[in-house]
Amino acid sequence: MRSARVHVHGTSLPVLPLERRYRYVGPAELREQVRPDGLGRPISSRDDLATWLAEQDEPEREEPFTFVVDTTATLRLAPRRSEHIACAGGDPVLGAGEITFARSHDGWRVSEISNQSTGYCPDVTSWTAVQAALDNAGLDHPGSFTRPIVFRRCLHCRQLNIVKDDHFVCAMCEEPLPAVWNADPPDEPEH
């Protein structure tokens, strides 16, 4: 049986299952700052989004926001300068990144979206979960990440890398990087 694949910048990558939960891989000091009242706002409908955006300052609405898709497949939003770990309440996520909205004839639509989260380093294949959360909330979207980012952990020096221009080589030690997502913390099994 052939596994599903997604193409990013001409490179074919395997699709991870929708159930893939991304654990936080960023600095420990940011995890320690997570507060129970800092959780991102759940967005379950177009009305939820319109209400939340109306609460944001106008200049903020022009910038990307921090988002996560929690393990209930709910989109959560926070201001851009928020950490993904805070938006997720310290929990694992199905997806994370940055999202920009633009006005449309009937409200708001997603104009740009990426998996840019150096705290969770989600694979580009997390789009499946992100798309489901956007669809469940009734939000129009581009149909894929508009700026996909490929994260890999070096097997030699354990450094997290962002792969650019399909150059799967570690920026620190110049060893080859794996083709398959592997950004989970070293020596920690997935839950």
N, C-alpha and C. Protein backbone atom coordinates (compact mmCIF):
# COMPACT_ATOMS: atom_id res chain seq x y z
N MET A 1 0.83 -1.18 0.00
CA MET A 1 0.00 0.00 0.00
C MET A 1 0.88 1.25 0.00
N ARG A 2 0.60 2.18 -0.92
CA ARG A 2 1.38 3.41 -1.02
C ARG A 2 0.86 4.43 -0.02
N SER A 3 1.77 5.14 0.62
CA SER A 3 1.36 6.16 1.58
C SER A 3 1.06 7.47 0.82
N ALA A 4 0.17 8.27 1.38
CA ALA A 4 -0.16 9.57 0.80
C ALA A 4 1.05 10.49 0.90
N ARG A 5 1.15 11.40 -0.08
CA ARG A 5 2.29 12.31 -0.11
C ARG A 5 1.80 13.73 -0.39
N VAL A 6 2.58 14.70 0.06
CA VAL A 6 2.32 16.11 -0.21
C VAL A 6 3.58 16.65 -0.88
N HIS A 7 3.40 17.60 -1.81
CA HIS A 7 4.54 18.17 -2.53
C HIS A 7 4.77 19.60 -2.05
N VAL A 8 5.99 19.86 -1.59
CA VAL A 8 6.38 21.17 -1.10
C VAL A 8 7.63 21.59 -1.86
N HIS A 9 7.52 22.68 -2.58
CA HIS A 9 8.65 23.20 -3.36
C HIS A 9 9.27 22.10 -4.23
N GLY A 10 8.44 21.26 -4.83
CA GLY A 10 8.92 20.22 -5.72
C GLY A 10 9.41 18.96 -5.04
N THR A 11 9.40 18.91 -3.73
CA THR A 11 9.84 17.72 -3.00
C THR A 11 8.62 16.95 -2.51
N SER A 12 8.59 15.66 -2.75
CA SER A 12 7.49 14.81 -2.31
C SER A 12 7.78 14.30 -0.90
N LEU A 13 6.85 14.59 0.03
CA LEU A 13 7.02 14.19 1.43
C LEU A 13 5.84 13.34 1.86
N PRO A 14 6.05 12.35 2.74
CA PRO A 14 4.93 11.53 3.20
C PRO A 14 3.98 12.34 4.09
N VAL A 15 2.69 12.04 4.00
CA VAL A 15 1.68 12.70 4.83
C VAL A 15 1.59 11.94 6.15
N LEU A 16 1.69 12.67 7.25
CA LEU A 16 1.54 12.06 8.58
C LEU A 16 0.07 11.95 8.91
N PRO A 17 -0.32 11.03 9.76
CA PRO A 17 -1.73 10.87 10.09
C PRO A 17 -2.31 12.10 10.76
N LEU A 18 -3.63 12.33 10.56
CA LEU A 18 -4.32 13.46 11.17
C LEU A 18 -4.15 13.46 12.68
N GLU A 19 -4.03 12.30 13.27
CA GLU A 19 -3.93 12.19 14.72
C GLU A 19 -2.56 12.63 15.25
N ARG A 20 -1.63 12.98 14.38
CA ARG A 20 -0.29 13.38 14.80
C ARG A 20 -0.40 14.55 15.77
N ARG A 21 0.13 14.37 16.94
CA ARG A 21 0.14 15.44 17.95
C ARG A 21 1.56 15.96 18.06
N TYR A 22 1.69 17.26 17.94
CA TYR A 22 3.00 17.89 18.04
C TYR A 22 3.21 18.37 19.46
N ARG A 23 4.32 17.95 20.03
CA ARG A 23 4.67 18.38 21.38
C ARG A 23 5.57 19.61 21.29
N TYR A 24 5.57 20.38 22.33
CA TYR A 24 6.39 21.59 22.37
C TYR A 24 7.86 21.21 22.36
N VAL A 25 8.63 21.87 21.49
CA VAL A 25 10.07 21.58 21.38
C VAL A 25 10.91 22.83 21.59
N GLY A 26 10.27 23.93 21.99
CA GLY A 26 10.98 25.19 22.17
C GLY A 26 11.63 25.31 23.54
N PRO A 27 12.06 26.53 23.88
CA PRO A 27 12.77 26.77 25.14
C PRO A 27 11.91 26.45 26.36
N ALA A 28 12.51 25.80 27.35
CA ALA A 28 11.80 25.42 28.58
C ALA A 28 11.28 26.64 29.32
N GLU A 29 12.00 27.76 29.29
CA GLU A 29 11.55 28.94 30.02
C GLU A 29 10.22 29.49 29.49
N LEU A 30 9.94 29.27 28.22
CA LEU A 30 8.63 29.70 27.69
C LEU A 30 7.52 28.77 28.19
N ARG A 31 7.80 27.49 28.28
CA ARG A 31 6.81 26.55 28.82
C ARG A 31 6.46 26.93 30.27
N GLU A 32 7.46 27.32 31.02
CA GLU A 32 7.26 27.68 32.43
C GLU A 32 6.42 28.93 32.60
N GLN A 33 6.30 29.76 31.57
CA GLN A 33 5.53 31.00 31.64
C GLN A 33 4.05 30.82 31.26
N VAL A 34 3.65 29.62 30.86
CA VAL A 34 2.27 29.37 30.45
C VAL A 34 1.34 29.56 31.64
N ARG A 35 0.29 30.36 31.43
CA ARG A 35 -0.71 30.62 32.46
C ARG A 35 -2.04 30.02 32.01
N PRO A 36 -2.84 29.51 32.94
CA PRO A 36 -4.14 28.94 32.57
C PRO A 36 -5.06 29.95 31.87
N ASP A 37 -4.93 31.23 32.20
CA ASP A 37 -5.78 32.25 31.58
C ASP A 37 -5.20 32.78 30.27
N GLY A 38 -4.08 32.23 29.81
CA GLY A 38 -3.44 32.70 28.59
C GLY A 38 -3.80 31.92 27.35
N LEU A 39 -4.68 30.96 27.49
CA LEU A 39 -5.08 30.11 26.37
C LEU A 39 -5.66 30.95 25.23
N GLY A 40 -5.34 30.58 23.99
CA GLY A 40 -5.88 31.28 22.83
C GLY A 40 -7.39 31.17 22.75
N ARG A 41 -8.02 32.13 22.08
CA ARG A 41 -9.48 32.17 21.94
C ARG A 41 -9.94 31.09 20.97
N PRO A 42 -10.86 30.22 21.38
CA PRO A 42 -11.38 29.21 20.46
C PRO A 42 -12.26 29.87 19.40
N ILE A 43 -12.08 29.45 18.16
CA ILE A 43 -12.86 29.98 17.04
C ILE A 43 -13.60 28.80 16.41
N SER A 44 -14.91 28.76 16.63
CA SER A 44 -15.73 27.66 16.13
C SER A 44 -16.70 28.09 15.04
N SER A 45 -16.71 29.40 14.72
CA SER A 45 -17.63 29.89 13.70
C SER A 45 -17.12 31.21 13.12
N ARG A 46 -17.75 31.63 12.04
CA ARG A 46 -17.42 32.92 11.43
C ARG A 46 -17.74 34.04 12.41
N ASP A 47 -18.81 33.89 13.18
CA ASP A 47 -19.18 34.90 14.18
C ASP A 47 -18.12 35.00 15.28
N ASP A 48 -17.61 33.84 15.73
CA ASP A 48 -16.52 33.86 16.73
C ASP A 48 -15.34 34.66 16.22
N LEU A 49 -14.98 34.43 14.95
CA LEU A 49 -13.84 35.13 14.37
C LEU A 49 -14.13 36.63 14.28
N ALA A 50 -15.29 37.00 13.79
CA ALA A 50 -15.63 38.42 13.66
C ALA A 50 -15.61 39.12 15.02
N THR A 51 -16.14 38.46 16.03
CA THR A 51 -16.14 39.03 17.38
C THR A 51 -14.72 39.22 17.89
N TRP A 52 -13.89 38.19 17.74
CA TRP A 52 -12.52 38.26 18.23
C TRP A 52 -11.73 39.34 17.49
N LEU A 53 -11.87 39.39 16.15
CA LEU A 53 -11.15 40.40 15.39
C LEU A 53 -11.60 41.81 15.76
N ALA A 54 -12.89 42.00 16.06
CA ALA A 54 -13.39 43.32 16.47
C ALA A 54 -12.76 43.77 17.79
N GLU A 55 -12.35 42.82 18.61
CA GLU A 55 -11.71 43.14 19.90
C GLU A 55 -10.24 43.52 19.74
N GLN A 56 -9.66 43.27 18.57
CA GLN A 56 -8.25 43.57 18.33
C GLN A 56 -8.11 45.00 17.79
N ASP A 57 -7.01 45.66 18.13
CA ASP A 57 -6.74 46.99 17.58
C ASP A 57 -6.61 46.89 16.07
N GLU A 58 -7.05 47.93 15.37
CA GLU A 58 -7.02 47.92 13.91
C GLU A 58 -5.63 47.58 13.34
N PRO A 59 -4.54 48.20 13.83
CA PRO A 59 -3.22 47.83 13.28
C PRO A 59 -2.90 46.35 13.49
N GLU A 60 -3.35 45.77 14.60
CA GLU A 60 -3.11 44.34 14.86
C GLU A 60 -3.80 43.46 13.82
N ARG A 61 -4.97 43.89 13.35
CA ARG A 61 -5.73 43.09 12.38
C ARG A 61 -5.01 42.98 11.05
N GLU A 62 -4.08 43.88 10.80
CA GLU A 62 -3.32 43.86 9.55
C GLU A 62 -2.15 42.88 9.60
N GLU A 63 -1.80 42.45 10.79
CA GLU A 63 -0.65 41.55 10.97
C GLU A 63 -1.11 40.11 11.14
N PRO A 64 -0.19 39.17 10.94
CA PRO A 64 -0.55 37.77 11.21
C PRO A 64 -0.80 37.54 12.70
N PHE A 65 -1.65 36.58 13.00
CA PHE A 65 -1.93 36.18 14.38
C PHE A 65 -1.30 34.82 14.62
N THR A 66 -1.05 34.52 15.88
CA THR A 66 -0.61 33.20 16.30
C THR A 66 -1.82 32.28 16.32
N PHE A 67 -1.67 31.07 15.80
CA PHE A 67 -2.76 30.10 15.90
C PHE A 67 -2.24 28.74 16.28
N VAL A 68 -3.11 27.96 16.90
CA VAL A 68 -2.88 26.52 17.09
C VAL A 68 -4.20 25.82 16.78
N VAL A 69 -4.10 24.56 16.44
CA VAL A 69 -5.26 23.67 16.38
C VAL A 69 -5.07 22.72 17.53
N ASP A 70 -5.97 22.81 18.52
CA ASP A 70 -5.81 21.97 19.70
C ASP A 70 -6.21 20.53 19.41
N THR A 71 -6.07 19.67 20.38
CA THR A 71 -6.31 18.23 20.14
C THR A 71 -7.79 17.88 20.00
N THR A 72 -8.68 18.87 20.14
CA THR A 72 -10.09 18.66 19.82
C THR A 72 -10.39 19.18 18.42
N ALA A 73 -9.35 19.53 17.67
CA ALA A 73 -9.44 20.06 16.30
C ALA A 73 -10.11 21.44 16.27
N THR A 74 -9.94 22.22 17.34
CA THR A 74 -10.48 23.58 17.42
C THR A 74 -9.37 24.57 17.13
N LEU A 75 -9.66 25.54 16.28
CA LEU A 75 -8.75 26.64 16.00
C LEU A 75 -8.72 27.57 17.20
N ARG A 76 -7.52 27.94 17.66
CA ARG A 76 -7.36 28.91 18.75
C ARG A 76 -6.46 30.03 18.23
N LEU A 77 -6.84 31.28 18.53
CA LEU A 77 -6.09 32.45 18.08
C LEU A 77 -5.57 33.27 19.24
N ALA A 78 -4.44 33.92 19.01
CA ALA A 78 -3.84 34.83 19.98
C ALA A 78 -3.12 35.92 19.18
N PRO A 79 -2.87 37.08 19.79
CA PRO A 79 -2.11 38.12 19.09
C PRO A 79 -0.75 37.60 18.63
N ARG A 80 -0.23 38.22 17.59
CA ARG A 80 0.99 37.74 16.94
C ARG A 80 2.17 37.56 17.90
N ARG A 81 2.32 38.44 18.83
CA ARG A 81 3.48 38.38 19.72
C ARG A 81 3.30 37.36 20.85
N SER A 82 2.24 36.58 20.77
CA SER A 82 2.01 35.51 21.74
C SER A 82 2.80 34.27 21.33
N GLU A 83 3.20 33.51 22.30
CA GLU A 83 3.89 32.26 22.03
C GLU A 83 2.86 31.16 21.75
N HIS A 84 3.19 30.27 20.84
CA HIS A 84 2.29 29.16 20.51
C HIS A 84 2.01 28.30 21.74
N ILE A 85 3.01 28.09 22.58
CA ILE A 85 2.84 27.27 23.78
C ILE A 85 1.79 27.89 24.71
N ALA A 86 1.74 29.22 24.79
CA ALA A 86 0.73 29.89 25.61
C ALA A 86 -0.64 29.76 24.97
N CYS A 87 -0.72 29.94 23.65
CA CYS A 87 -1.99 29.82 22.93
C CYS A 87 -2.59 28.43 23.13
N ALA A 88 -1.72 27.42 23.22
CA ALA A 88 -2.16 26.03 23.39
C ALA A 88 -2.32 25.64 24.86
N GLY A 89 -2.04 26.55 25.77
CA GLY A 89 -2.14 26.23 27.19
C GLY A 89 -1.13 25.19 27.64
N GLY A 90 -0.02 25.08 26.91
CA GLY A 90 1.03 24.13 27.26
C GLY A 90 0.80 22.73 26.72
N ASP A 91 -0.31 22.51 26.04
CA ASP A 91 -0.67 21.17 25.56
C ASP A 91 -0.12 20.87 24.17
N PRO A 92 -0.09 19.60 23.78
CA PRO A 92 0.24 19.25 22.40
C PRO A 92 -0.82 19.81 21.44
N VAL A 93 -0.46 19.93 20.18
CA VAL A 93 -1.36 20.48 19.18
C VAL A 93 -1.38 19.59 17.94
N LEU A 94 -2.40 19.80 17.10
CA LEU A 94 -2.48 19.12 15.80
C LEU A 94 -1.87 19.99 14.71
N GLY A 95 -1.72 21.27 14.99
CA GLY A 95 -1.13 22.21 14.04
C GLY A 95 -0.87 23.53 14.73
N ALA A 96 0.02 24.34 14.16
CA ALA A 96 0.36 25.65 14.72
C ALA A 96 1.01 26.48 13.63
N GLY A 97 0.94 27.80 13.80
CA GLY A 97 1.59 28.68 12.84
C GLY A 97 1.11 30.10 12.97
N GLU A 98 1.16 30.82 11.84
CA GLU A 98 0.70 32.19 11.78
C GLU A 98 -0.38 32.29 10.71
N ILE A 99 -1.38 33.16 10.98
CA ILE A 99 -2.54 33.27 10.10
C ILE A 99 -2.91 34.75 9.93
N THR A 100 -3.25 35.14 8.72
CA THR A 100 -3.66 36.51 8.40
C THR A 100 -5.05 36.46 7.81
N PHE A 101 -5.87 37.43 8.19
CA PHE A 101 -7.24 37.52 7.69
C PHE A 101 -7.42 38.77 6.85
N ALA A 102 -8.33 38.68 5.88
CA ALA A 102 -8.69 39.83 5.05
C ALA A 102 -10.21 39.89 4.99
N ARG A 103 -10.73 41.10 4.88
CA ARG A 103 -12.18 41.25 4.74
C ARG A 103 -12.63 40.68 3.40
N SER A 104 -13.79 40.07 3.43
CA SER A 104 -14.40 39.58 2.19
C SER A 104 -15.81 40.11 2.11
N HIS A 105 -16.51 39.80 1.04
CA HIS A 105 -17.86 40.33 0.85
C HIS A 105 -18.82 39.89 1.96
N ASP A 106 -18.52 38.78 2.64
CA ASP A 106 -19.43 38.29 3.68
C ASP A 106 -18.74 38.09 5.03
N GLY A 107 -17.72 38.89 5.31
CA GLY A 107 -17.05 38.79 6.60
C GLY A 107 -15.54 38.78 6.46
N TRP A 108 -14.92 37.72 6.96
CA TRP A 108 -13.46 37.58 6.95
C TRP A 108 -13.09 36.26 6.30
N ARG A 109 -11.93 36.24 5.66
CA ARG A 109 -11.39 35.01 5.09
C ARG A 109 -9.91 34.92 5.45
N VAL A 110 -9.36 33.71 5.43
CA VAL A 110 -7.94 33.51 5.65
C VAL A 110 -7.22 33.91 4.36
N SER A 111 -6.33 34.89 4.43
CA SER A 111 -5.60 35.32 3.24
C SER A 111 -4.21 34.70 3.16
N GLU A 112 -3.59 34.50 4.31
CA GLU A 112 -2.28 33.84 4.37
C GLU A 112 -2.23 32.96 5.60
N ILE A 113 -1.50 31.86 5.47
CA ILE A 113 -1.37 30.94 6.60
C ILE A 113 -0.09 30.13 6.44
N SER A 114 0.61 29.93 7.55
CA SER A 114 1.84 29.14 7.51
C SER A 114 1.88 28.21 8.73
N ASN A 115 2.79 27.29 8.69
CA ASN A 115 3.05 26.41 9.84
C ASN A 115 4.27 26.93 10.61
N GLN A 116 4.50 28.23 10.59
CA GLN A 116 5.65 28.84 11.25
C GLN A 116 5.45 28.89 12.75
N SER A 117 5.97 27.90 13.42
CA SER A 117 5.97 27.83 14.87
C SER A 117 7.24 27.11 15.30
N THR A 118 8.20 27.88 15.77
CA THR A 118 9.44 27.24 16.20
C THR A 118 9.30 26.62 17.58
N GLY A 119 8.14 26.78 18.20
CA GLY A 119 7.86 26.12 19.47
C GLY A 119 7.36 24.69 19.27
N TYR A 120 6.58 24.47 18.19
CA TYR A 120 6.05 23.13 17.91
C TYR A 120 6.65 22.50 16.65
N CYS A 121 7.15 23.31 15.74
CA CYS A 121 7.76 22.82 14.50
C CYS A 121 6.88 21.81 13.77
N PRO A 122 5.61 22.15 13.52
CA PRO A 122 4.74 21.17 12.87
C PRO A 122 5.14 20.91 11.42
N ASP A 123 4.91 19.70 10.98
CA ASP A 123 5.20 19.33 9.61
C ASP A 123 4.21 20.01 8.67
N VAL A 124 4.61 20.16 7.40
CA VAL A 124 3.70 20.74 6.41
C VAL A 124 2.44 19.88 6.25
N THR A 125 2.54 18.61 6.58
CA THR A 125 1.37 17.73 6.48
C THR A 125 0.34 18.00 7.56
N SER A 126 0.67 18.87 8.53
CA SER A 126 -0.32 19.27 9.53
C SER A 126 -1.45 20.07 8.89
N TRP A 127 -1.28 20.44 7.62
CA TRP A 127 -2.34 21.18 6.92
C TRP A 127 -3.68 20.43 7.02
N THR A 128 -3.67 19.13 6.99
CA THR A 128 -4.91 18.35 7.06
C THR A 128 -5.71 18.73 8.30
N ALA A 129 -5.07 18.81 9.45
CA ALA A 129 -5.75 19.19 10.70
C ALA A 129 -6.14 20.66 10.68
N VAL A 130 -5.27 21.51 10.16
CA VAL A 130 -5.56 22.94 10.09
C VAL A 130 -6.77 23.17 9.19
N GLN A 131 -6.78 22.52 8.04
CA GLN A 131 -7.90 22.66 7.11
C GLN A 131 -9.21 22.21 7.76
N ALA A 132 -9.17 21.09 8.48
CA ALA A 132 -10.37 20.60 9.15
C ALA A 132 -10.89 21.62 10.16
N ALA A 133 -9.99 22.25 10.94
CA ALA A 133 -10.40 23.25 11.92
C ALA A 133 -11.00 24.49 11.24
N LEU A 134 -10.39 24.92 10.15
CA LEU A 134 -10.90 26.08 9.41
C LEU A 134 -12.26 25.75 8.79
N ASP A 135 -12.38 24.57 8.20
CA ASP A 135 -13.65 24.14 7.60
C ASP A 135 -14.73 24.02 8.66
N ASN A 136 -14.40 23.44 9.81
CA ASN A 136 -15.37 23.29 10.89
C ASN A 136 -15.89 24.64 11.39
N ALA A 137 -15.04 25.67 11.32
CA ALA A 137 -15.44 27.01 11.74
C ALA A 137 -16.10 27.79 10.60
N GLY A 138 -16.18 27.18 9.42
CA GLY A 138 -16.82 27.83 8.28
C GLY A 138 -16.00 28.96 7.68
N LEU A 139 -14.67 28.90 7.82
CA LEU A 139 -13.80 29.97 7.34
C LEU A 139 -13.24 29.65 5.95
N ASP A 140 -13.39 30.59 5.03
CA ASP A 140 -12.78 30.45 3.71
C ASP A 140 -11.27 30.53 3.87
N HIS A 141 -10.54 29.70 3.10
CA HIS A 141 -9.09 29.65 3.22
C HIS A 141 -8.47 29.32 1.87
N PRO A 142 -7.14 29.48 1.73
CA PRO A 142 -6.47 29.26 0.45
C PRO A 142 -6.37 27.79 0.01
N GLY A 143 -6.62 26.83 0.89
CA GLY A 143 -6.55 25.42 0.50
C GLY A 143 -5.23 24.74 0.79
N SER A 144 -4.26 25.50 1.25
CA SER A 144 -2.96 24.94 1.66
C SER A 144 -2.20 26.05 2.38
N PHE A 145 -1.09 25.68 3.01
CA PHE A 145 -0.25 26.71 3.60
C PHE A 145 0.25 27.61 2.47
N THR A 146 0.14 28.91 2.65
CA THR A 146 0.66 29.84 1.64
C THR A 146 2.17 30.01 1.78
N ARG A 147 2.70 29.72 2.95
CA ARG A 147 4.15 29.76 3.19
C ARG A 147 4.53 28.52 4.01
N PRO A 148 4.62 27.37 3.37
CA PRO A 148 4.97 26.15 4.13
C PRO A 148 6.42 26.18 4.58
N ILE A 149 6.64 25.69 5.79
CA ILE A 149 7.99 25.63 6.35
C ILE A 149 8.30 24.18 6.70
N VAL A 150 9.48 23.72 6.30
CA VAL A 150 9.90 22.34 6.55
C VAL A 150 10.89 22.36 7.71
N PHE A 151 10.51 21.69 8.81
CA PHE A 151 11.37 21.57 9.99
C PHE A 151 11.97 20.17 10.03
N ARG A 152 13.25 20.08 10.39
CA ARG A 152 13.90 18.78 10.60
C ARG A 152 14.91 18.91 11.74
N ARG A 153 15.06 17.81 12.47
CA ARG A 153 16.07 17.73 13.52
C ARG A 153 17.25 16.94 12.96
N CYS A 154 18.45 17.46 13.14
CA CYS A 154 19.64 16.76 12.69
C CYS A 154 19.87 15.52 13.56
N LEU A 155 20.08 14.40 12.94
CA LEU A 155 20.32 13.16 13.68
C LEU A 155 21.72 13.14 14.30
N HIS A 156 22.61 13.95 13.76
CA HIS A 156 23.99 13.97 14.26
C HIS A 156 24.15 14.91 15.47
N CYS A 157 23.76 16.18 15.33
CA CYS A 157 23.98 17.15 16.41
C CYS A 157 22.69 17.50 17.17
N ARG A 158 21.54 17.00 16.72
CA ARG A 158 20.22 17.18 17.35
C ARG A 158 19.65 18.60 17.21
N GLN A 159 20.28 19.45 16.41
CA GLN A 159 19.82 20.82 16.19
C GLN A 159 18.56 20.82 15.33
N LEU A 160 17.58 21.67 15.70
CA LEU A 160 16.41 21.86 14.85
C LEU A 160 16.79 22.77 13.69
N ASN A 161 16.28 22.44 12.51
CA ASN A 161 16.60 23.20 11.30
C ASN A 161 15.33 23.57 10.56
N ILE A 162 15.38 24.68 9.85
CA ILE A 162 14.37 25.02 8.84
C ILE A 162 15.04 24.74 7.50
N VAL A 163 14.41 23.87 6.73
CA VAL A 163 14.96 23.49 5.42
C VAL A 163 14.55 24.55 4.41
N LYS A 164 15.52 25.12 3.74
CA LYS A 164 15.26 26.15 2.72
C LYS A 164 15.74 25.66 1.37
N ASP A 165 14.97 25.97 0.35
CA ASP A 165 15.33 25.63 -1.03
C ASP A 165 15.64 24.15 -1.21
N ASP A 166 14.89 23.30 -0.50
CA ASP A 166 15.07 21.85 -0.58
C ASP A 166 16.49 21.40 -0.25
N HIS A 167 17.19 22.18 0.56
CA HIS A 167 18.57 21.85 0.95
C HIS A 167 18.50 21.15 2.32
N PHE A 168 18.38 19.83 2.29
CA PHE A 168 18.23 19.02 3.50
C PHE A 168 19.59 18.73 4.13
N VAL A 169 20.25 19.81 4.59
CA VAL A 169 21.56 19.72 5.22
C VAL A 169 21.52 20.59 6.48
N CYS A 170 22.05 20.07 7.58
CA CYS A 170 22.05 20.78 8.85
C CYS A 170 22.87 22.07 8.74
N ALA A 171 22.28 23.16 9.22
CA ALA A 171 22.96 24.46 9.20
C ALA A 171 24.12 24.52 10.19
N MET A 172 24.10 23.65 11.21
CA MET A 172 25.14 23.67 12.23
C MET A 172 26.32 22.76 11.90
N CYS A 173 26.02 21.51 11.54
CA CYS A 173 27.13 20.55 11.35
C CYS A 173 27.25 20.04 9.92
N GLU A 174 26.36 20.47 9.04
CA GLU A 174 26.38 20.15 7.62
C GLU A 174 26.15 18.67 7.31
N GLU A 175 25.58 17.93 8.26
CA GLU A 175 25.18 16.54 8.01
C GLU A 175 23.84 16.53 7.27
N PRO A 176 23.56 15.48 6.50
CA PRO A 176 22.26 15.39 5.81
C PRO A 176 21.11 15.32 6.82
N LEU A 177 19.98 15.93 6.47
CA LEU A 177 18.78 15.89 7.29
C LEU A 177 17.82 14.85 6.73
N PRO A 178 17.02 14.23 7.59
CA PRO A 178 16.08 13.22 7.12
C PRO A 178 14.99 13.83 6.24
N ALA A 179 14.42 13.02 5.35
CA ALA A 179 13.33 13.46 4.48
C ALA A 179 12.01 13.50 5.24
N VAL A 180 11.91 12.74 6.33
CA VAL A 180 10.66 12.63 7.09
C VAL A 180 10.75 13.49 8.35
N TRP A 181 9.62 14.13 8.70
CA TRP A 181 9.56 14.99 9.88
C TRP A 181 10.04 14.24 11.12
N ASN A 182 10.84 14.91 11.95
CA ASN A 182 11.40 14.27 13.15
C ASN A 182 11.74 15.31 14.23
N ALA A 183 10.95 16.36 14.35
CA ALA A 183 11.31 17.45 15.25
C ALA A 183 10.94 17.20 16.71
N ASP A 184 10.33 16.06 17.03
CA ASP A 184 10.02 15.77 18.43
C ASP A 184 11.28 15.90 19.29
N PRO A 185 11.10 16.22 20.57
CA PRO A 185 12.27 16.32 21.43
C PRO A 185 13.06 15.01 21.42
N PRO A 186 14.38 15.10 21.45
CA PRO A 186 15.19 13.88 21.44
C PRO A 186 14.91 13.00 22.68
N ASP A 187 14.91 11.71 22.44
CA ASP A 187 14.79 10.71 23.51
C ASP A 187 13.47 10.78 24.27
N GLU A 188 12.43 11.36 23.67
CA GLU A 188 11.11 11.37 24.31
C GLU A 188 10.12 10.66 23.39
N PRO A 189 9.48 9.62 23.87
CA PRO A 189 8.50 8.95 23.03
C PRO A 189 7.26 9.81 22.85
N GLU A 190 6.57 9.62 21.70
CA GLU A 190 5.32 10.35 21.45
C GLU A 190 4.23 9.76 22.34
N HIS A 191 3.35 10.62 22.85
CA HIS A 191 2.23 10.21 23.71
C HIS A 191 1.10 9.69 22.87
